[in-house]
Amino acid sequence: MNELIEKIEQTVYELVQYKMNDYAVCAQELAEMLISELPGVINYYSDPRMQEFVEDAKYWPAQLERILNAFGDGDDLATIDILYNETRANLIELRDNLAKKGILR
């Protein structure tokens, strides 16, 4: 999960720096990582210790769609907001909750 958070940070950094070639590479890598890793992220919610957060599992498929649409829309500020302020923040919150529950170290 930390790798995913770091890839989001790198992608946003490249976009903010307007390094569009690097951003394109990072965005592609991030999309591939999300498609690969989100099933595992969603699976965390099936742990009985995460029962109070089980409804949050529905957030991730919709968020993936928002991210992929943002990459194609060309609205850089919306992309930054979706990636950094929403997705990154929610991954950090999930990681912290998993750690508190003893699921993730």
N, C-alpha and C. Protein backbone atom coordinates (compact mmCIF):
# COMPACT_ATOMS: atom_id res chain seq x y z
N MET A 1 0.82 -1.18 0.00
CA MET A 1 0.00 0.00 0.00
C MET A 1 0.88 1.26 0.00
N ASN A 2 2.01 1.17 0.68
CA ASN A 2 2.92 2.31 0.69
C ASN A 2 3.44 2.61 -0.71
N GLU A 3 3.67 1.58 -1.50
CA GLU A 3 4.15 1.79 -2.88
C GLU A 3 3.10 2.54 -3.70
N LEU A 4 1.84 2.20 -3.48
CA LEU A 4 0.76 2.86 -4.18
C LEU A 4 0.67 4.34 -3.77
N ILE A 5 0.79 4.59 -2.49
CA ILE A 5 0.78 5.97 -1.98
C ILE A 5 1.95 6.76 -2.58
N GLU A 6 3.13 6.15 -2.60
CA GLU A 6 4.30 6.81 -3.17
C GLU A 6 4.14 7.07 -4.66
N LYS A 7 3.53 6.15 -5.38
CA LYS A 7 3.31 6.35 -6.82
C LYS A 7 2.33 7.49 -7.06
N ILE A 8 1.32 7.62 -6.22
CA ILE A 8 0.40 8.75 -6.33
C ILE A 8 1.16 10.05 -6.12
N GLU A 9 1.99 10.10 -5.08
CA GLU A 9 2.77 11.29 -4.80
C GLU A 9 3.69 11.64 -5.96
N GLN A 10 4.34 10.65 -6.53
CA GLN A 10 5.24 10.88 -7.66
C GLN A 10 4.46 11.39 -8.88
N THR A 11 3.32 10.80 -9.13
CA THR A 11 2.50 11.19 -10.28
C THR A 11 2.04 12.64 -10.13
N VAL A 12 1.57 12.99 -8.96
CA VAL A 12 1.12 14.36 -8.72
C VAL A 12 2.30 15.33 -8.82
N TYR A 13 3.46 14.94 -8.30
CA TYR A 13 4.65 15.79 -8.38
C TYR A 13 4.99 16.09 -9.85
N GLU A 14 4.98 15.06 -10.67
CA GLU A 14 5.32 15.26 -12.09
C GLU A 14 4.30 16.17 -12.77
N LEU A 15 3.04 16.03 -12.40
CA LEU A 15 2.00 16.88 -12.98
C LEU A 15 2.16 18.33 -12.53
N VAL A 16 2.40 18.53 -11.25
CA VAL A 16 2.57 19.89 -10.72
C VAL A 16 3.81 20.56 -11.33
N GLN A 17 4.85 19.79 -11.55
CA GLN A 17 6.08 20.31 -12.16
C GLN A 17 5.93 20.50 -13.67
N TYR A 18 4.80 20.08 -14.20
CA TYR A 18 4.49 20.14 -15.63
C TYR A 18 5.53 19.39 -16.47
N LYS A 19 5.98 18.27 -15.92
CA LYS A 19 6.86 17.36 -16.66
C LYS A 19 5.95 16.32 -17.30
N MET A 20 5.35 16.71 -18.41
CA MET A 20 4.26 15.94 -18.99
C MET A 20 4.68 14.55 -19.48
N ASN A 21 5.88 14.41 -19.99
CA ASN A 21 6.33 13.08 -20.41
C ASN A 21 6.48 12.16 -19.21
N ASP A 22 7.09 12.68 -18.14
CA ASP A 22 7.24 11.89 -16.92
C ASP A 22 5.88 11.61 -16.28
N TYR A 23 4.99 12.62 -16.32
CA TYR A 23 3.65 12.44 -15.79
C TYR A 23 2.92 11.33 -16.53
N ALA A 24 3.02 11.32 -17.84
CA ALA A 24 2.33 10.29 -18.64
C ALA A 24 2.81 8.89 -18.25
N VAL A 25 4.11 8.75 -18.06
CA VAL A 25 4.66 7.45 -17.65
C VAL A 25 4.15 7.09 -16.26
N CYS A 26 4.20 8.03 -15.34
CA CYS A 26 3.74 7.78 -13.97
C CYS A 26 2.25 7.46 -13.93
N ALA A 27 1.47 8.20 -14.69
CA ALA A 27 0.03 7.97 -14.72
C ALA A 27 -0.28 6.56 -15.24
N GLN A 28 0.43 6.13 -16.27
CA GLN A 28 0.24 4.78 -16.80
C GLN A 28 0.63 3.73 -15.75
N GLU A 29 1.75 3.94 -15.11
CA GLU A 29 2.20 3.00 -14.07
C GLU A 29 1.22 2.97 -12.91
N LEU A 30 0.72 4.14 -12.52
CA LEU A 30 -0.24 4.21 -11.43
C LEU A 30 -1.53 3.49 -11.80
N ALA A 31 -2.02 3.71 -13.00
CA ALA A 31 -3.25 3.03 -13.44
C ALA A 31 -3.06 1.52 -13.38
N GLU A 32 -1.93 1.04 -13.84
CA GLU A 32 -1.66 -0.40 -13.81
C GLU A 32 -1.57 -0.92 -12.37
N MET A 33 -0.93 -0.14 -11.49
CA MET A 33 -0.83 -0.53 -10.09
C MET A 33 -2.21 -0.58 -9.44
N LEU A 34 -3.03 0.42 -9.71
CA LEU A 34 -4.37 0.45 -9.13
C LEU A 34 -5.20 -0.75 -9.58
N ILE A 35 -5.16 -1.04 -10.86
CA ILE A 35 -5.91 -2.17 -11.39
C ILE A 35 -5.42 -3.47 -10.77
N SER A 36 -4.15 -3.56 -10.56
CA SER A 36 -3.56 -4.77 -9.97
C SER A 36 -3.81 -4.88 -8.47
N GLU A 37 -3.70 -3.77 -7.75
CA GLU A 37 -3.70 -3.82 -6.29
C GLU A 37 -5.04 -3.53 -5.63
N LEU A 38 -5.98 -2.92 -6.34
CA LEU A 38 -7.24 -2.60 -5.69
C LEU A 38 -8.04 -3.83 -5.24
N PRO A 39 -8.00 -4.94 -5.96
CA PRO A 39 -8.69 -6.11 -5.40
C PRO A 39 -8.16 -6.50 -4.01
N GLY A 40 -6.87 -6.39 -3.82
CA GLY A 40 -6.29 -6.67 -2.50
C GLY A 40 -6.70 -5.64 -1.46
N VAL A 41 -6.77 -4.39 -1.87
CA VAL A 41 -7.22 -3.33 -0.97
C VAL A 41 -8.66 -3.61 -0.54
N ILE A 42 -9.50 -3.93 -1.49
CA ILE A 42 -10.90 -4.22 -1.19
C ILE A 42 -11.02 -5.45 -0.30
N ASN A 43 -10.15 -6.41 -0.51
CA ASN A 43 -10.19 -7.65 0.27
C ASN A 43 -9.94 -7.41 1.75
N TYR A 44 -9.19 -6.38 2.09
CA TYR A 44 -8.95 -6.06 3.50
C TYR A 44 -10.26 -5.89 4.27
N TYR A 45 -11.28 -5.39 3.59
CA TYR A 45 -12.55 -5.13 4.25
C TYR A 45 -13.30 -6.41 4.60
N SER A 46 -12.89 -7.53 4.06
CA SER A 46 -13.55 -8.80 4.39
C SER A 46 -13.06 -9.37 5.72
N ASP A 47 -11.98 -8.82 6.26
CA ASP A 47 -11.49 -9.25 7.56
C ASP A 47 -12.51 -8.86 8.63
N PRO A 48 -12.89 -9.77 9.50
CA PRO A 48 -13.88 -9.46 10.54
C PRO A 48 -13.50 -8.25 11.41
N ARG A 49 -12.22 -7.99 11.56
CA ARG A 49 -11.79 -6.84 12.35
C ARG A 49 -12.11 -5.51 11.68
N MET A 50 -12.43 -5.56 10.39
CA MET A 50 -12.74 -4.34 9.63
C MET A 50 -14.25 -4.16 9.44
N GLN A 51 -15.03 -4.88 10.22
CA GLN A 51 -16.48 -4.87 10.06
C GLN A 51 -17.07 -3.46 10.08
N GLU A 52 -16.57 -2.60 10.93
CA GLU A 52 -17.11 -1.24 11.03
C GLU A 52 -16.84 -0.40 9.78
N PHE A 53 -15.91 -0.86 8.95
CA PHE A 53 -15.55 -0.11 7.74
C PHE A 53 -15.99 -0.81 6.46
N VAL A 54 -16.75 -1.89 6.57
CA VAL A 54 -17.06 -2.74 5.42
C VAL A 54 -17.72 -1.96 4.27
N GLU A 55 -18.51 -0.98 4.58
CA GLU A 55 -19.17 -0.19 3.53
C GLU A 55 -18.17 0.61 2.70
N ASP A 56 -17.01 0.90 3.29
CA ASP A 56 -15.98 1.68 2.58
C ASP A 56 -15.41 0.92 1.38
N ALA A 57 -15.59 -0.38 1.35
CA ALA A 57 -15.07 -1.17 0.23
C ALA A 57 -15.71 -0.74 -1.08
N LYS A 58 -16.91 -0.22 -1.03
CA LYS A 58 -17.61 0.22 -2.25
C LYS A 58 -16.98 1.47 -2.86
N TYR A 59 -16.23 2.19 -2.07
CA TYR A 59 -15.60 3.43 -2.53
C TYR A 59 -14.57 3.17 -3.63
N TRP A 60 -13.81 2.09 -3.48
CA TRP A 60 -12.62 1.89 -4.32
C TRP A 60 -12.90 1.65 -5.79
N PRO A 61 -13.86 0.80 -6.17
CA PRO A 61 -14.12 0.66 -7.62
C PRO A 61 -14.56 1.97 -8.27
N ALA A 62 -15.41 2.72 -7.58
CA ALA A 62 -15.86 4.01 -8.12
C ALA A 62 -14.70 4.99 -8.20
N GLN A 63 -13.81 4.94 -7.21
CA GLN A 63 -12.66 5.85 -7.22
C GLN A 63 -11.71 5.51 -8.35
N LEU A 64 -11.52 4.24 -8.62
CA LEU A 64 -10.68 3.85 -9.76
C LEU A 64 -11.24 4.44 -11.05
N GLU A 65 -12.54 4.36 -11.22
CA GLU A 65 -13.16 4.92 -12.42
C GLU A 65 -12.94 6.44 -12.48
N ARG A 66 -13.08 7.12 -11.35
CA ARG A 66 -12.85 8.56 -11.31
C ARG A 66 -11.42 8.90 -11.70
N ILE A 67 -10.47 8.12 -11.21
CA ILE A 67 -9.06 8.37 -11.51
C ILE A 67 -8.79 8.19 -13.00
N LEU A 68 -9.26 7.09 -13.56
CA LEU A 68 -9.03 6.82 -14.97
C LEU A 68 -9.69 7.89 -15.84
N ASN A 69 -10.88 8.34 -15.45
CA ASN A 69 -11.54 9.42 -16.19
C ASN A 69 -10.76 10.72 -16.07
N ALA A 70 -10.23 10.98 -14.88
CA ALA A 70 -9.46 12.22 -14.67
C ALA A 70 -8.21 12.23 -15.54
N PHE A 71 -7.57 11.08 -15.70
CA PHE A 71 -6.39 11.02 -16.55
C PHE A 71 -6.74 11.42 -17.98
N GLY A 72 -7.92 11.08 -18.42
CA GLY A 72 -8.32 11.37 -19.79
C GLY A 72 -8.94 12.73 -20.00
N ASP A 73 -9.43 13.36 -18.93
CA ASP A 73 -10.15 14.62 -19.05
C ASP A 73 -9.25 15.83 -19.28
N GLY A 74 -8.01 15.78 -18.81
CA GLY A 74 -7.10 16.89 -19.02
C GLY A 74 -7.25 18.04 -18.03
N ASP A 75 -8.09 17.89 -17.02
CA ASP A 75 -8.23 18.92 -15.98
C ASP A 75 -7.23 18.60 -14.88
N ASP A 76 -6.08 19.26 -14.96
CA ASP A 76 -4.98 18.95 -14.05
C ASP A 76 -5.34 19.15 -12.58
N LEU A 77 -6.06 20.22 -12.27
CA LEU A 77 -6.43 20.47 -10.88
C LEU A 77 -7.37 19.39 -10.35
N ALA A 78 -8.31 18.96 -11.15
CA ALA A 78 -9.22 17.88 -10.74
C ALA A 78 -8.44 16.59 -10.54
N THR A 79 -7.49 16.32 -11.42
CA THR A 79 -6.67 15.12 -11.31
C THR A 79 -5.86 15.14 -10.02
N ILE A 80 -5.26 16.27 -9.71
CA ILE A 80 -4.49 16.41 -8.47
C ILE A 80 -5.39 16.19 -7.27
N ASP A 81 -6.57 16.79 -7.29
CA ASP A 81 -7.50 16.65 -6.18
C ASP A 81 -7.92 15.20 -5.98
N ILE A 82 -8.28 14.53 -7.05
CA ILE A 82 -8.72 13.14 -6.98
C ILE A 82 -7.59 12.24 -6.49
N LEU A 83 -6.41 12.45 -7.02
CA LEU A 83 -5.29 11.59 -6.64
C LEU A 83 -4.78 11.88 -5.24
N TYR A 84 -4.49 13.14 -4.97
CA TYR A 84 -3.79 13.48 -3.73
C TYR A 84 -4.74 13.66 -2.55
N ASN A 85 -5.74 14.50 -2.73
CA ASN A 85 -6.62 14.83 -1.61
C ASN A 85 -7.65 13.75 -1.31
N GLU A 86 -7.99 12.96 -2.30
CA GLU A 86 -8.97 11.90 -2.07
C GLU A 86 -8.30 10.53 -1.93
N THR A 87 -7.73 10.05 -3.02
CA THR A 87 -7.23 8.68 -3.05
C THR A 87 -6.08 8.47 -2.08
N ARG A 88 -5.09 9.31 -2.14
CA ARG A 88 -3.94 9.20 -1.24
C ARG A 88 -4.39 9.29 0.21
N ALA A 89 -5.21 10.28 0.51
CA ALA A 89 -5.69 10.46 1.89
C ALA A 89 -6.46 9.24 2.37
N ASN A 90 -7.30 8.67 1.52
CA ASN A 90 -8.08 7.49 1.92
C ASN A 90 -7.21 6.24 2.05
N LEU A 91 -6.19 6.13 1.22
CA LEU A 91 -5.26 5.00 1.38
C LEU A 91 -4.49 5.11 2.69
N ILE A 92 -4.08 6.31 3.04
CA ILE A 92 -3.38 6.51 4.31
C ILE A 92 -4.30 6.19 5.48
N GLU A 93 -5.54 6.64 5.40
CA GLU A 93 -6.51 6.34 6.45
C GLU A 93 -6.73 4.83 6.57
N LEU A 94 -6.88 4.16 5.43
CA LEU A 94 -7.06 2.71 5.44
C LEU A 94 -5.84 2.02 6.02
N ARG A 95 -4.67 2.42 5.60
CA ARG A 95 -3.43 1.83 6.11
C ARG A 95 -3.34 1.99 7.63
N ASP A 96 -3.68 3.17 8.11
CA ASP A 96 -3.64 3.42 9.55
C ASP A 96 -4.68 2.58 10.29
N ASN A 97 -5.87 2.45 9.74
CA ASN A 97 -6.90 1.62 10.36
C ASN A 97 -6.48 0.15 10.37
N LEU A 98 -5.88 -0.31 9.29
CA LEU A 98 -5.40 -1.69 9.23
C LEU A 98 -4.32 -1.93 10.27
N ALA A 99 -3.45 -0.96 10.46
CA ALA A 99 -2.40 -1.07 11.47
C ALA A 99 -3.00 -1.10 12.87
N LYS A 100 -3.97 -0.24 13.13
CA LYS A 100 -4.63 -0.21 14.45
C LYS A 100 -5.33 -1.52 14.76
N LYS A 101 -5.87 -2.15 13.73
CA LYS A 101 -6.59 -3.41 13.91
C LYS A 101 -5.64 -4.61 13.93
N GLY A 102 -4.36 -4.38 13.69
CA GLY A 102 -3.38 -5.45 13.70
C GLY A 102 -3.38 -6.29 12.44
N ILE A 103 -3.94 -5.76 11.38
CA ILE A 103 -4.02 -6.49 10.10
C ILE A 103 -2.79 -6.22 9.25
N LEU A 104 -2.30 -5.01 9.32
CA LEU A 104 -1.15 -4.59 8.51
C LEU A 104 -0.09 -4.04 9.44
N ARG A 105 1.14 -4.36 9.13
CA ARG A 105 2.25 -3.87 9.95
C ARG A 105 3.03 -2.83 9.21
